[in-house]
N, C-alpha and C. Protein backbone atom coordinates (compact mmCIF):
# COMPACT_ATOMS: atom_id res chain seq x y z
N MET A 1 -20.41 -25.67 -91.05
CA MET A 1 -20.22 -25.26 -89.58
C MET A 1 -19.59 -23.85 -89.68
N MET A 2 -19.89 -22.95 -88.87
CA MET A 2 -19.33 -21.54 -88.87
C MET A 2 -18.44 -21.40 -87.64
N ASN A 3 -17.31 -20.85 -87.91
CA ASN A 3 -16.33 -20.57 -86.82
C ASN A 3 -16.59 -19.08 -86.39
N VAL A 4 -16.89 -18.94 -85.20
CA VAL A 4 -17.03 -17.55 -84.67
C VAL A 4 -15.87 -17.18 -83.77
N ALA A 5 -15.09 -16.21 -84.17
CA ALA A 5 -13.98 -15.67 -83.38
C ALA A 5 -14.41 -14.74 -82.22
N VAL A 6 -14.02 -15.04 -81.00
CA VAL A 6 -14.37 -14.11 -79.96
C VAL A 6 -13.19 -13.40 -79.61
N THR A 7 -13.28 -12.00 -79.70
CA THR A 7 -12.36 -11.17 -79.45
C THR A 7 -12.25 -10.85 -77.92
N GLU A 8 -11.34 -11.12 -77.20
CA GLU A 8 -11.16 -10.69 -75.77
C GLU A 8 -10.14 -9.66 -75.60
N ARG A 9 -10.36 -8.75 -74.76
CA ARG A 9 -9.39 -7.69 -74.58
C ARG A 9 -8.33 -8.15 -73.65
N ASN A 10 -7.12 -8.25 -73.91
CA ASN A 10 -6.10 -8.51 -72.97
C ASN A 10 -5.77 -7.31 -72.05
N VAL A 11 -6.36 -7.37 -70.86
CA VAL A 11 -6.28 -6.21 -70.01
C VAL A 11 -4.76 -5.90 -69.59
N TYR A 12 -3.97 -6.81 -69.64
CA TYR A 12 -2.62 -6.67 -69.14
C TYR A 12 -1.73 -5.98 -70.28
N GLU A 13 -2.19 -5.82 -71.47
CA GLU A 13 -1.45 -5.20 -72.52
C GLU A 13 -2.27 -3.89 -72.94
N ASN A 14 -3.49 -3.96 -72.92
CA ASN A 14 -4.30 -3.02 -73.48
C ASN A 14 -5.26 -2.14 -72.60
N PHE A 15 -4.88 -1.85 -71.27
CA PHE A 15 -5.76 -1.17 -70.48
C PHE A 15 -5.79 0.29 -70.64
N GLU A 16 -6.87 0.84 -70.37
CA GLU A 16 -7.03 2.27 -70.46
C GLU A 16 -6.92 2.80 -68.97
N VAL A 17 -5.88 3.62 -68.79
CA VAL A 17 -5.64 4.18 -67.40
C VAL A 17 -6.92 5.04 -67.02
N GLU A 18 -7.39 5.86 -67.68
CA GLU A 18 -8.46 6.79 -67.33
C GLU A 18 -9.78 5.93 -66.96
N THR A 19 -9.99 4.84 -67.78
CA THR A 19 -11.39 4.16 -67.56
C THR A 19 -11.26 2.85 -66.70
N ASP A 20 -10.03 2.19 -66.76
CA ASP A 20 -9.84 0.78 -66.24
C ASP A 20 -9.19 0.89 -64.92
N ILE A 21 -8.47 1.83 -64.56
CA ILE A 21 -7.62 1.93 -63.24
C ILE A 21 -8.30 2.66 -62.10
N LEU A 22 -8.42 1.89 -60.92
CA LEU A 22 -8.98 2.53 -59.67
C LEU A 22 -7.92 3.52 -59.04
N TYR A 23 -6.79 3.08 -59.02
CA TYR A 23 -5.66 3.92 -58.44
C TYR A 23 -4.31 3.48 -58.91
N PHE A 24 -3.27 4.20 -58.74
CA PHE A 24 -1.91 3.70 -59.02
C PHE A 24 -0.87 4.46 -58.07
N ASN A 25 0.10 3.67 -57.88
CA ASN A 25 1.26 4.03 -57.05
C ASN A 25 2.45 4.32 -57.92
N VAL A 26 3.24 5.38 -57.61
CA VAL A 26 4.36 5.68 -58.34
C VAL A 26 5.47 5.17 -57.58
N GLY A 27 6.37 4.33 -58.16
CA GLY A 27 7.63 3.79 -57.54
C GLY A 27 8.90 4.68 -58.04
N ARG A 28 9.96 3.89 -57.63
CA ARG A 28 11.09 4.58 -58.08
C ARG A 28 11.40 4.22 -59.53
N LEU A 29 12.21 5.06 -60.19
CA LEU A 29 12.63 4.92 -61.51
C LEU A 29 11.46 4.88 -62.54
N GLY A 30 10.54 5.46 -62.32
CA GLY A 30 9.33 5.47 -63.32
C GLY A 30 8.49 4.17 -63.25
N LEU A 31 8.71 3.35 -62.29
CA LEU A 31 7.82 2.07 -62.21
C LEU A 31 6.59 2.42 -61.60
N VAL A 32 5.46 2.23 -62.29
CA VAL A 32 4.12 2.56 -61.70
C VAL A 32 3.22 1.35 -61.64
N SER A 33 2.63 1.21 -60.47
CA SER A 33 1.81 -0.05 -60.21
C SER A 33 0.39 0.36 -60.27
N PHE A 34 -0.36 -0.13 -61.27
CA PHE A 34 -1.67 0.31 -61.68
C PHE A 34 -2.59 -0.93 -61.01
N HIS A 35 -3.65 -0.43 -60.42
CA HIS A 35 -4.61 -1.25 -59.63
C HIS A 35 -6.00 -1.15 -60.32
N GLY A 36 -6.45 -2.22 -60.90
CA GLY A 36 -7.82 -2.33 -61.57
C GLY A 36 -8.64 -3.01 -60.59
N ARG A 37 -9.88 -3.33 -61.18
CA ARG A 37 -10.91 -3.96 -60.36
C ARG A 37 -10.38 -5.34 -59.93
N ASN A 38 -9.85 -6.13 -60.77
CA ASN A 38 -9.46 -7.47 -60.35
C ASN A 38 -7.94 -7.86 -60.76
N TYR A 39 -7.13 -6.81 -61.03
CA TYR A 39 -5.71 -7.04 -61.38
C TYR A 39 -4.96 -5.95 -60.97
N ASN A 40 -3.56 -6.21 -60.91
CA ASN A 40 -2.51 -5.11 -60.65
C ASN A 40 -1.59 -5.43 -61.82
N ILE A 41 -1.09 -4.27 -62.30
CA ILE A 41 -0.06 -4.19 -63.30
C ILE A 41 1.03 -3.13 -63.14
N LYS A 42 2.29 -3.64 -63.13
CA LYS A 42 3.38 -2.80 -63.07
C LYS A 42 3.91 -2.44 -64.42
N LYS A 43 4.22 -1.07 -64.62
CA LYS A 43 4.62 -0.71 -66.04
C LYS A 43 5.60 0.52 -65.86
N SER A 44 6.60 0.71 -66.73
CA SER A 44 7.41 1.78 -66.66
C SER A 44 6.82 2.92 -67.36
N MET A 45 6.77 4.15 -66.89
CA MET A 45 6.19 5.29 -67.51
C MET A 45 7.11 6.54 -67.45
N SER A 46 7.01 7.26 -68.30
CA SER A 46 7.80 8.58 -68.25
C SER A 46 7.06 9.59 -67.40
N ALA A 47 7.87 10.49 -66.89
CA ALA A 47 7.33 11.60 -66.12
C ALA A 47 6.22 12.35 -66.81
N ASP A 48 6.41 12.58 -68.04
CA ASP A 48 5.44 13.34 -68.91
C ASP A 48 4.13 12.45 -68.92
N GLN A 49 4.16 11.26 -69.18
CA GLN A 49 2.97 10.30 -69.29
C GLN A 49 2.21 10.43 -67.99
N LEU A 50 2.91 10.27 -66.80
CA LEU A 50 2.29 10.32 -65.52
C LEU A 50 1.65 11.73 -65.27
N GLN A 51 2.38 12.76 -65.55
CA GLN A 51 1.93 14.09 -65.44
C GLN A 51 0.54 14.29 -66.32
N SER A 52 0.40 13.58 -67.44
CA SER A 52 -0.78 13.83 -68.30
C SER A 52 -1.93 13.29 -67.59
N TYR A 53 -1.73 12.09 -66.89
CA TYR A 53 -2.94 11.42 -66.11
C TYR A 53 -3.38 12.29 -64.92
N ILE A 54 -2.39 13.03 -64.37
CA ILE A 54 -2.68 13.74 -63.13
C ILE A 54 -3.15 15.18 -63.46
N ALA A 55 -2.73 15.74 -64.56
CA ALA A 55 -3.02 17.02 -64.89
C ALA A 55 -4.54 17.25 -65.35
N ASP A 56 -5.18 16.24 -65.81
CA ASP A 56 -6.57 16.45 -66.42
C ASP A 56 -7.62 16.35 -65.19
N GLY A 57 -7.11 15.99 -64.01
CA GLY A 57 -8.01 15.96 -62.98
C GLY A 57 -8.72 14.81 -62.61
N ARG A 58 -8.62 13.77 -63.47
CA ARG A 58 -9.26 12.32 -63.19
C ARG A 58 -8.63 11.75 -62.01
N PHE A 59 -7.29 11.98 -61.80
CA PHE A 59 -6.78 11.31 -60.62
C PHE A 59 -6.23 12.28 -59.41
N VAL A 60 -6.61 11.84 -58.22
CA VAL A 60 -6.41 12.82 -57.14
C VAL A 60 -5.31 12.24 -56.31
N LYS A 61 -4.44 13.00 -55.80
CA LYS A 61 -3.38 12.53 -54.90
C LYS A 61 -3.83 12.34 -53.44
N VAL A 62 -3.61 11.09 -53.01
CA VAL A 62 -4.04 10.73 -51.58
C VAL A 62 -2.90 10.64 -50.71
N ASN A 63 -1.66 10.43 -51.27
CA ASN A 63 -0.55 10.49 -50.37
C ASN A 63 0.69 10.68 -51.34
N ALA A 64 1.98 10.60 -50.76
CA ALA A 64 3.08 10.92 -51.46
C ALA A 64 3.31 10.24 -52.89
N ASN A 65 2.88 9.06 -52.99
CA ASN A 65 2.93 8.51 -54.27
C ASN A 65 1.75 7.70 -54.69
N CYS A 66 0.62 7.92 -54.28
CA CYS A 66 -0.60 7.27 -54.69
C CYS A 66 -1.72 8.18 -55.31
N TYR A 67 -2.24 7.86 -56.29
CA TYR A 67 -3.20 8.67 -56.92
C TYR A 67 -4.55 7.86 -57.14
N VAL A 68 -5.69 8.27 -56.84
CA VAL A 68 -6.99 7.48 -57.05
C VAL A 68 -7.77 8.12 -58.12
N ASN A 69 -8.51 7.33 -58.93
CA ASN A 69 -9.24 7.69 -59.97
C ASN A 69 -10.60 8.32 -59.31
N ALA A 70 -10.77 9.64 -59.50
CA ALA A 70 -11.82 10.32 -58.77
C ALA A 70 -13.21 9.78 -59.23
N GLY A 71 -13.31 9.44 -60.52
CA GLY A 71 -14.60 8.95 -61.15
C GLY A 71 -14.93 7.46 -60.68
N LYS A 72 -14.07 6.81 -60.06
CA LYS A 72 -14.29 5.44 -59.56
C LYS A 72 -14.45 5.38 -58.11
N MET A 73 -14.35 6.46 -57.40
CA MET A 73 -14.61 6.52 -55.89
C MET A 73 -15.98 6.25 -55.62
N LEU A 74 -16.19 5.39 -54.68
CA LEU A 74 -17.65 5.15 -54.12
C LEU A 74 -17.86 6.06 -52.88
N SER A 75 -16.96 5.92 -51.97
CA SER A 75 -17.13 6.73 -50.70
C SER A 75 -15.74 6.81 -50.11
N MET A 76 -15.68 7.69 -49.09
CA MET A 76 -14.48 8.02 -48.41
C MET A 76 -15.04 8.21 -46.96
N ASP A 77 -14.66 7.26 -46.06
CA ASP A 77 -14.93 7.46 -44.63
C ASP A 77 -13.98 6.64 -43.84
N ASP A 78 -13.77 7.16 -42.65
CA ASP A 78 -12.89 6.72 -41.69
C ASP A 78 -11.53 6.28 -42.10
N GLY A 79 -11.13 7.30 -42.95
CA GLY A 79 -9.66 7.23 -43.46
C GLY A 79 -9.45 6.14 -44.64
N ILE A 80 -10.53 5.71 -45.22
CA ILE A 80 -10.53 4.69 -46.34
C ILE A 80 -11.26 5.01 -47.53
N ILE A 81 -10.73 4.94 -48.65
CA ILE A 81 -11.38 5.26 -49.97
C ILE A 81 -11.92 3.94 -50.38
N HIS A 82 -13.21 3.82 -50.76
CA HIS A 82 -13.84 2.67 -51.33
C HIS A 82 -14.21 2.93 -52.92
N PHE A 83 -14.03 1.92 -53.70
CA PHE A 83 -14.26 2.16 -55.04
C PHE A 83 -15.47 1.45 -55.54
N LYS A 84 -16.04 1.92 -56.69
CA LYS A 84 -17.38 1.52 -57.27
C LYS A 84 -17.07 -0.01 -57.94
N GLY A 85 -18.12 -0.80 -57.87
CA GLY A 85 -18.15 -2.02 -58.72
C GLY A 85 -16.95 -2.99 -58.31
N CYS A 86 -16.61 -3.01 -57.10
CA CYS A 86 -15.56 -4.03 -56.78
C CYS A 86 -16.12 -5.24 -55.99
N GLY A 87 -17.40 -5.30 -55.68
CA GLY A 87 -18.05 -6.43 -55.09
C GLY A 87 -17.36 -6.89 -53.75
N SER A 88 -17.23 -8.26 -53.58
CA SER A 88 -16.80 -8.85 -52.41
C SER A 88 -15.27 -8.65 -52.29
N GLU A 89 -14.59 -8.46 -53.36
CA GLU A 89 -13.13 -8.38 -53.38
C GLU A 89 -12.79 -6.80 -53.41
N GLU A 90 -13.53 -6.07 -52.72
CA GLU A 90 -13.47 -4.50 -52.68
C GLU A 90 -11.91 -4.19 -52.41
N LYS A 91 -11.43 -3.21 -53.22
CA LYS A 91 -10.10 -2.60 -53.11
C LYS A 91 -10.33 -1.39 -52.30
N GLN A 92 -9.40 -1.16 -51.37
CA GLN A 92 -9.47 0.11 -50.49
C GLN A 92 -8.11 0.83 -50.56
N VAL A 93 -8.22 2.10 -50.35
CA VAL A 93 -6.95 2.77 -50.25
C VAL A 93 -7.01 3.71 -48.95
N PRO A 94 -6.08 3.57 -48.12
CA PRO A 94 -5.97 4.40 -46.89
C PRO A 94 -5.76 5.84 -47.20
N VAL A 95 -6.39 6.74 -46.51
CA VAL A 95 -6.14 8.16 -46.62
C VAL A 95 -6.10 8.93 -45.31
N SER A 96 -5.31 9.88 -45.11
CA SER A 96 -5.27 10.54 -43.84
C SER A 96 -6.48 11.39 -43.69
N LYS A 97 -6.98 11.67 -42.49
CA LYS A 97 -8.15 12.61 -42.30
C LYS A 97 -7.96 13.93 -42.93
N TRP A 98 -6.84 14.46 -42.80
CA TRP A 98 -6.50 15.82 -43.26
C TRP A 98 -6.53 15.77 -44.76
N ARG A 99 -6.05 14.71 -45.59
CA ARG A 99 -6.13 14.47 -47.01
C ARG A 99 -7.44 14.31 -47.49
N GLN A 100 -8.23 13.56 -46.63
CA GLN A 100 -9.73 13.20 -46.93
C GLN A 100 -10.54 14.44 -47.16
N ASN A 101 -10.30 15.33 -46.13
CA ASN A 101 -10.99 16.65 -46.10
C ASN A 101 -10.61 17.44 -47.36
N GLN A 102 -9.20 17.44 -47.70
CA GLN A 102 -8.83 18.25 -48.95
C GLN A 102 -9.59 17.72 -50.28
N ILE A 103 -9.58 16.28 -50.28
CA ILE A 103 -10.15 15.70 -51.53
C ILE A 103 -11.66 16.11 -51.61
N LYS A 104 -12.33 15.89 -50.47
CA LYS A 104 -13.72 16.28 -50.51
C LYS A 104 -13.97 17.62 -50.97
N ASN A 105 -13.13 18.68 -50.50
CA ASN A 105 -13.23 20.04 -50.87
C ASN A 105 -12.93 20.26 -52.41
N LEU A 106 -11.91 19.44 -52.76
CA LEU A 106 -11.58 19.58 -54.24
C LEU A 106 -12.67 19.02 -55.14
N LEU A 107 -13.19 17.85 -54.73
CA LEU A 107 -14.13 17.27 -55.70
C LEU A 107 -15.47 17.94 -55.69
N SER A 108 -15.92 18.52 -54.52
CA SER A 108 -17.16 19.35 -54.48
C SER A 108 -17.08 20.66 -55.22
N SER A 109 -15.84 21.15 -55.38
CA SER A 109 -15.67 22.46 -55.92
C SER A 109 -15.56 22.40 -57.47
N ARG A 110 -15.39 21.17 -57.91
CA ARG A 110 -15.21 21.08 -59.56
C ARG A 110 -16.44 20.49 -60.21
N LYS A 111 -16.47 20.64 -61.44
CA LYS A 111 -17.55 19.99 -62.32
C LYS A 111 -17.35 18.53 -62.38
N PRO A 112 -18.48 17.84 -62.50
CA PRO A 112 -18.20 16.40 -62.67
C PRO A 112 -17.42 16.01 -63.85
N ILE A 113 -16.63 14.88 -63.68
CA ILE A 113 -15.88 14.56 -64.75
C ILE A 113 -16.66 13.52 -65.73
N ALA A 114 -16.67 13.76 -66.91
CA ALA A 114 -17.40 12.97 -67.96
C ALA A 114 -16.75 11.67 -68.12
N MET A 115 -17.39 10.50 -67.92
CA MET A 115 -16.80 9.30 -68.13
C MET A 115 -17.31 8.62 -69.50
C-alpha cells in the first residue's frame, strides 16, 4: 500500500498579496485587513511593506484606507467595484463616482499588468 501525501497550501499563513488578494484595508498601527476570494486575514505590516505593494501599480487607492488589486477587478459601475472569480459570494468595494472616474483614467492610460 502506498501513502500519498497531499500538500495543501495554508492560505492563512502563505498567501501571496499580489496574486491572492482582491483588496486590503489599512488600519491603525500597521494592522492590515487583506480580503481574498473566500477569506479575510488581518496582519501587521510595516509602512515599507505596504508601500512596496502600492508602488508597483498592482493596487489602486479607492478611498483613504482601501486599495484594490487592479488585476482582479471585473467591473466598476454605480459606485461599486466587482471582482473576478467570486461567484455567488461576490465581494464588492464601494467607490465614489469621482474616484471611479480617476481609476478608469489611470487604468486606461497604463500598460496591462502581467499576472
